[in-house]
Amino acid sequence: MKELPTLSREERRAIARLVFELEEERGELDWATQAADLAFQQLDKLEQEDVSSESR
């Protein structure tokens, strides 16, 4: 648990997906996983846009 902050974003996402897969109510959590993936993709896009605008 102490190592989580030192992991990359992709590594933390992979761990989160594995945890969700272990849950008994996995079917109920699938929507949450999809929503989180979409949110992470949007955040990545916004961060990339910020980096691009700062380098101009």
PDB file of N, CA and C in Angstrom:
ATOM      1  N   MET A   1       0.827  -1.193   0.000  1.00  0.00           N
ATOM      2  CA  MET A   1       0.000   0.000   0.000  1.00  0.00           C
ATOM      3  C   MET A   1       0.873   1.260   0.000  1.00  0.00           C
ATOM      4  N   LYS A   2       1.990   1.210   0.702  1.00  0.00           N
ATOM      5  CA  LYS A   2       2.853   2.386   0.772  1.00  0.00           C
ATOM      6  C   LYS A   2       3.475   2.696  -0.580  1.00  0.00           C
ATOM      7  N   GLU A   3       3.576   1.704  -1.442  1.00  0.00           N
ATOM      8  CA  GLU A   3       4.201   1.903  -2.749  1.00  0.00           C
ATOM      9  C   GLU A   3       3.252   2.512  -3.772  1.00  0.00           C
ATOM     10  N   LEU A   4       1.960   2.507  -3.518  1.00  0.00           N
ATOM     11  CA  LEU A   4       0.990   3.005  -4.495  1.00  0.00           C
ATOM     12  C   LEU A   4       1.312   4.410  -5.001  1.00  0.00           C
ATOM     13  N   PRO A   5       1.656   5.352  -4.138  1.00  0.00           N
ATOM     14  CA  PRO A   5       1.952   6.694  -4.645  1.00  0.00           C
ATOM     15  C   PRO A   5       3.157   6.747  -5.574  1.00  0.00           C
ATOM     16  N   THR A   6       4.039   5.773  -5.486  1.00  0.00           N
ATOM     17  CA  THR A   6       5.236   5.796  -6.327  1.00  0.00           C
ATOM     18  C   THR A   6       4.996   5.142  -7.687  1.00  0.00           C
ATOM     19  N   LEU A   7       3.866   4.483  -7.850  1.00  0.00           N
ATOM     20  CA  LEU A   7       3.557   3.812  -9.112  1.00  0.00           C
ATOM     21  C   LEU A   7       3.076   4.820 -10.144  1.00  0.00           C
ATOM     22  N   SER A   8       3.223   4.438 -11.393  1.00  0.00           N
ATOM     23  CA  SER A   8       2.715   5.297 -12.469  1.00  0.00           C
ATOM     24  C   SER A   8       1.192   5.228 -12.486  1.00  0.00           C
ATOM     25  N   ARG A   9       0.608   6.170 -13.156  1.00  0.00           N
ATOM     26  CA  ARG A   9      -0.848   6.207 -13.275  1.00  0.00           C
ATOM     27  C   ARG A   9      -1.357   4.907 -13.912  1.00  0.00           C
ATOM     28  N   GLU A  10      -0.671   4.440 -14.943  1.00  0.00           N
ATOM     29  CA  GLU A  10      -1.087   3.219 -15.631  1.00  0.00           C
ATOM     30  C   GLU A  10      -1.012   2.012 -14.701  1.00  0.00           C
ATOM     31  N   GLU A  11       0.025   1.953 -13.880  1.00  0.00           N
ATOM     32  CA  GLU A  11       0.162   0.848 -12.935  1.00  0.00           C
ATOM     33  C   GLU A  11      -0.949   0.879 -11.896  1.00  0.00           C
ATOM     34  N   ARG A  12      -1.288   2.071 -11.402  1.00  0.00           N
ATOM     35  CA  ARG A  12      -2.384   2.178 -10.427  1.00  0.00           C
ATOM     36  C   ARG A  12      -3.722   1.794 -11.054  1.00  0.00           C
ATOM     37  N   ARG A  13      -3.939   2.170 -12.297  1.00  0.00           N
ATOM     38  CA  ARG A  13      -5.181   1.796 -12.984  1.00  0.00           C
ATOM     39  C   ARG A  13      -5.271   0.287 -13.147  1.00  0.00           C
ATOM     40  N   ALA A  14      -4.163  -0.346 -13.488  1.00  0.00           N
ATOM     41  CA  ALA A  14      -4.152  -1.806 -13.656  1.00  0.00           C
ATOM     42  C   ALA A  14      -4.489  -2.488 -12.339  1.00  0.00           C
ATOM     43  N   ILE A  15      -3.955  -1.988 -11.248  1.00  0.00           N
ATOM     44  CA  ILE A  15      -4.261  -2.556  -9.933  1.00  0.00           C
ATOM     45  C   ILE A  15      -5.735  -2.373  -9.616  1.00  0.00           C
ATOM     46  N   ALA A  16      -6.272  -1.196  -9.894  1.00  0.00           N
ATOM     47  CA  ALA A  16      -7.691  -0.944  -9.626  1.00  0.00           C
ATOM     48  C   ALA A  16      -8.568  -1.902 -10.418  1.00  0.00           C
ATOM     49  N   ARG A  17      -8.221  -2.139 -11.686  1.00  0.00           N
ATOM     50  CA  ARG A  17      -9.003  -3.078 -12.493  1.00  0.00           C
ATOM     51  C   ARG A  17      -8.963  -4.479 -11.903  1.00  0.00           C
ATOM     52  N   LEU A  18      -7.795  -4.906 -11.455  1.00  0.00           N
ATOM     53  CA  LEU A  18      -7.671  -6.239 -10.859  1.00  0.00           C
ATOM     54  C   LEU A  18      -8.502  -6.360  -9.589  1.00  0.00           C
ATOM     55  N   VAL A  19      -8.511  -5.321  -8.775  1.00  0.00           N
ATOM     56  CA  VAL A  19      -9.308  -5.335  -7.548  1.00  0.00           C
ATOM     57  C   VAL A  19     -10.790  -5.448  -7.897  1.00  0.00           C
ATOM     58  N   PHE A  20     -11.239  -4.671  -8.876  1.00  0.00           N
ATOM     59  CA  PHE A  20     -12.641  -4.744  -9.280  1.00  0.00           C
ATOM     60  C   PHE A  20     -13.001  -6.137  -9.791  1.00  0.00           C
ATOM     61  N   GLU A  21     -12.100  -6.780 -10.494  1.00  0.00           N
ATOM     62  CA  GLU A  21     -12.367  -8.110 -11.028  1.00  0.00           C
ATOM     63  C   GLU A  21     -12.526  -9.145  -9.924  1.00  0.00           C
ATOM     64  N   LEU A  22     -11.922  -8.913  -8.782  1.00  0.00           N
ATOM     65  CA  LEU A  22     -12.003  -9.852  -7.671  1.00  0.00           C
ATOM     66  C   LEU A  22     -13.306  -9.736  -6.883  1.00  0.00           C
ATOM     67  N   GLU A  23     -13.985  -8.650  -7.037  1.00  0.00           N
ATOM     68  CA  GLU A  23     -15.210  -8.423  -6.280  1.00  0.00           C
ATOM     69  C   GLU A  23     -16.321  -9.377  -6.704  1.00  0.00           C
ATOM     70  N   GLU A  24     -17.112  -9.808  -5.726  1.00  0.00           N
ATOM     71  CA  GLU A  24     -18.223 -10.715  -6.007  1.00  0.00           C
ATOM     72  C   GLU A  24     -19.277 -10.056  -6.883  1.00  0.00           C
ATOM     73  N   GLU A  25     -19.499  -8.791  -6.679  1.00  0.00           N
ATOM     74  CA  GLU A  25     -20.510  -8.061  -7.449  1.00  0.00           C
ATOM     75  C   GLU A  25     -19.873  -7.463  -8.694  1.00  0.00           C
ATOM     76  N   ARG A  26     -19.040  -8.222  -9.356  1.00  0.00           N
ATOM     77  CA  ARG A  26     -18.285  -7.697 -10.493  1.00  0.00           C
ATOM     78  C   ARG A  26     -19.197  -7.097 -11.556  1.00  0.00           C
ATOM     79  N   GLY A  27     -20.318  -7.748 -11.833  1.00  0.00           N
ATOM     80  CA  GLY A  27     -21.243  -7.221 -12.834  1.00  0.00           C
ATOM     81  C   GLY A  27     -21.726  -5.829 -12.496  1.00  0.00           C
ATOM     82  N   GLU A  28     -21.950  -5.591 -11.215  1.00  0.00           N
ATOM     83  CA  GLU A  28     -22.407  -4.277 -10.785  1.00  0.00           C
ATOM     84  C   GLU A  28     -21.286  -3.242 -10.867  1.00  0.00           C
ATOM     85  N   LEU A  29     -20.050  -3.699 -10.794  1.00  0.00           N
ATOM     86  CA  LEU A  29     -18.929  -2.770 -10.816  1.00  0.00           C
ATOM     87  C   LEU A  29     -18.421  -2.490 -12.225  1.00  0.00           C
ATOM     88  N   ASP A  30     -18.872  -3.279 -13.200  1.00  0.00           N
ATOM     89  CA  ASP A  30     -18.408  -3.065 -14.577  1.00  0.00           C
ATOM     90  C   ASP A  30     -18.699  -1.654 -15.059  1.00  0.00           C
ATOM     91  N   TRP A  31     -19.873  -1.133 -14.737  1.00  0.00           N
ATOM     92  CA  TRP A  31     -20.212   0.226 -15.166  1.00  0.00           C
ATOM     93  C   TRP A  31     -19.271   1.229 -14.522  1.00  0.00           C
ATOM     94  N   ALA A  32     -18.894   0.988 -13.262  1.00  0.00           N
ATOM     95  CA  ALA A  32     -17.991   1.906 -12.579  1.00  0.00           C
ATOM     96  C   ALA A  32     -16.605   1.865 -13.217  1.00  0.00           C
ATOM     97  N   THR A  33     -16.171   0.688 -13.600  1.00  0.00           N
ATOM     98  CA  THR A  33     -14.871   0.540 -14.248  1.00  0.00           C
ATOM     99  C   THR A  33     -14.866   1.276 -15.576  1.00  0.00           C
ATOM    100  N   GLN A  34     -15.925   1.120 -16.352  1.00  0.00           N
ATOM    101  CA  GLN A  34     -16.018   1.806 -17.642  1.00  0.00           C
ATOM    102  C   GLN A  34     -16.055   3.319 -17.456  1.00  0.00           C
ATOM    103  N   ALA A  35     -16.806   3.765 -16.463  1.00  0.00           N
ATOM    104  CA  ALA A  35     -16.891   5.201 -16.198  1.00  0.00           C
ATOM    105  C   ALA A  35     -15.531   5.747 -15.760  1.00  0.00           C
ATOM    106  N   ALA A  36     -14.824   4.990 -14.924  1.00  0.00           N
ATOM    107  CA  ALA A  36     -13.501   5.424 -14.472  1.00  0.00           C
ATOM    108  C   ALA A  36     -12.527   5.485 -15.643  1.00  0.00           C
ATOM    109  N   ASP A  37     -12.578   4.488 -16.509  1.00  0.00           N
ATOM    110  CA  ASP A  37     -11.696   4.491 -17.684  1.00  0.00           C
ATOM    111  C   ASP A  37     -11.950   5.719 -18.556  1.00  0.00           C
ATOM    112  N   LEU A  38     -13.215   6.034 -18.778  1.00  0.00           N
ATOM    113  CA  LEU A  38     -13.545   7.218 -19.573  1.00  0.00           C
ATOM    114  C   LEU A  38     -13.060   8.495 -18.897  1.00  0.00           C
ATOM    115  N   ALA A  39     -13.236   8.563 -17.591  1.00  0.00           N
ATOM    116  CA  ALA A  39     -12.793   9.746 -16.857  1.00  0.00           C
ATOM    117  C   ALA A  39     -11.274   9.878 -16.926  1.00  0.00           C
ATOM    118  N   PHE A  40     -10.560   8.759 -16.770  1.00  0.00           N
ATOM    119  CA  PHE A  40      -9.104   8.796 -16.860  1.00  0.00           C
ATOM    120  C   PHE A  40      -8.649   9.219 -18.254  1.00  0.00           C
ATOM    121  N   GLN A  41      -9.330   8.741 -19.277  1.00  0.00           N
ATOM    122  CA  GLN A  41      -8.978   9.131 -20.643  1.00  0.00           C
ATOM    123  C   GLN A  41      -9.179  10.629 -20.837  1.00  0.00           C
ATOM    124  N   GLN A  42     -10.257  11.147 -20.301  1.00  0.00           N
ATOM    125  CA  GLN A  42     -10.531  12.585 -20.415  1.00  0.00           C
ATOM    126  C   GLN A  42      -9.479  13.393 -19.667  1.00  0.00           C
ATOM    127  N   LEU A  43      -9.101  12.919 -18.473  1.00  0.00           N
ATOM    128  CA  LEU A  43      -8.055  13.612 -17.713  1.00  0.00           C
ATOM    129  C   LEU A  43      -6.735  13.602 -18.469  1.00  0.00           C
ATOM    130  N   ASP A  44      -6.402  12.463 -19.056  1.00  0.00           N
ATOM    131  CA  ASP A  44      -5.169  12.376 -19.846  1.00  0.00           C
ATOM    132  C   ASP A  44      -5.183  13.381 -20.987  1.00  0.00           C
ATOM    133  N   LYS A  45      -6.327  13.494 -21.654  1.00  0.00           N
ATOM    134  CA  LYS A  45      -6.458  14.418 -22.771  1.00  0.00           C
ATOM    135  C   LYS A  45      -6.297  15.862 -22.298  1.00  0.00           C
ATOM    136  N   LEU A  46      -6.933  16.209 -21.184  1.00  0.00           N
ATOM    137  CA  LEU A  46      -6.835  17.568 -20.656  1.00  0.00           C
ATOM    138  C   LEU A  46      -5.401  17.890 -20.228  1.00  0.00           C
ATOM    139  N   GLU A  47      -4.742  16.925 -19.578  1.00  0.00           N
ATOM    140  CA  GLU A  47      -3.358  17.147 -19.166  1.00  0.00           C
ATOM    141  C   GLU A  47      -2.451  17.334 -20.381  1.00  0.00           C
ATOM    142  N   GLN A  48      -2.692  16.558 -21.423  1.00  0.00           N
ATOM    143  CA  GLN A  48      -1.891  16.683 -22.637  1.00  0.00           C
ATOM    144  C   GLN A  48      -2.105  18.058 -23.283  1.00  0.00           C
ATOM    145  N   GLU A  49      -3.350  18.530 -23.263  1.00  0.00           N
ATOM    146  CA  GLU A  49      -3.637  19.849 -23.802  1.00  0.00           C
ATOM    147  C   GLU A  49      -2.943  20.945 -22.993  1.00  0.00           C
ATOM    148  N   ASP A  50      -2.894  20.765 -21.656  1.00  0.00           N
ATOM    149  CA  ASP A  50      -2.199  21.735 -20.801  1.00  0.00           C
ATOM    150  C   ASP A  50      -0.713  21.768 -21.123  1.00  0.00           C
ATOM    151  N   VAL A  51      -0.128  20.603 -21.289  1.00  0.00           N
ATOM    152  CA  VAL A  51       1.297  20.525 -21.611  1.00  0.00           C
ATOM    153  C   VAL A  51       1.568  21.193 -22.946  1.00  0.00           C
ATOM    154  N   SER A  52       0.693  20.935 -23.915  1.00  0.00           N
ATOM    155  CA  SER A  52       0.874  21.531 -25.237  1.00  0.00           C
ATOM    156  C   SER A  52       0.751  23.051 -25.189  1.00  0.00           C
ATOM    157  N   SER A  53      -0.193  23.566 -24.427  1.00  0.00           N
ATOM    158  CA  SER A  53      -0.386  25.007 -24.367  1.00  0.00           C
ATOM    159  C   SER A  53       0.733  25.692 -23.591  1.00  0.00           C
ATOM    160  N   GLU A  54       1.332  25.012 -22.609  1.00  0.00           N
ATOM    161  CA  GLU A  54       2.430  25.588 -21.845  1.00  0.00           C
ATOM    162  C   GLU A  54       3.720  25.652 -22.665  1.00  0.00           C
ATOM    163  N   SER A  55       3.863  24.758 -23.610  1.00  0.00           N
ATOM    164  CA  SER A  55       5.102  24.728 -24.396  1.00  0.00           C
ATOM    165  C   SER A  55       5.097  25.737 -25.545  1.00  0.00           C
ATOM    166  N   ARG A  56       4.000  26.401 -25.732  1.00  0.00           N
ATOM    167  CA  ARG A  56       3.917  27.397 -26.821  1.00  0.00           C
ATOM    168  C   ARG A  56       4.532  28.689 -26.460  1.00  0.00           C
TER     169      ARG A  56
END
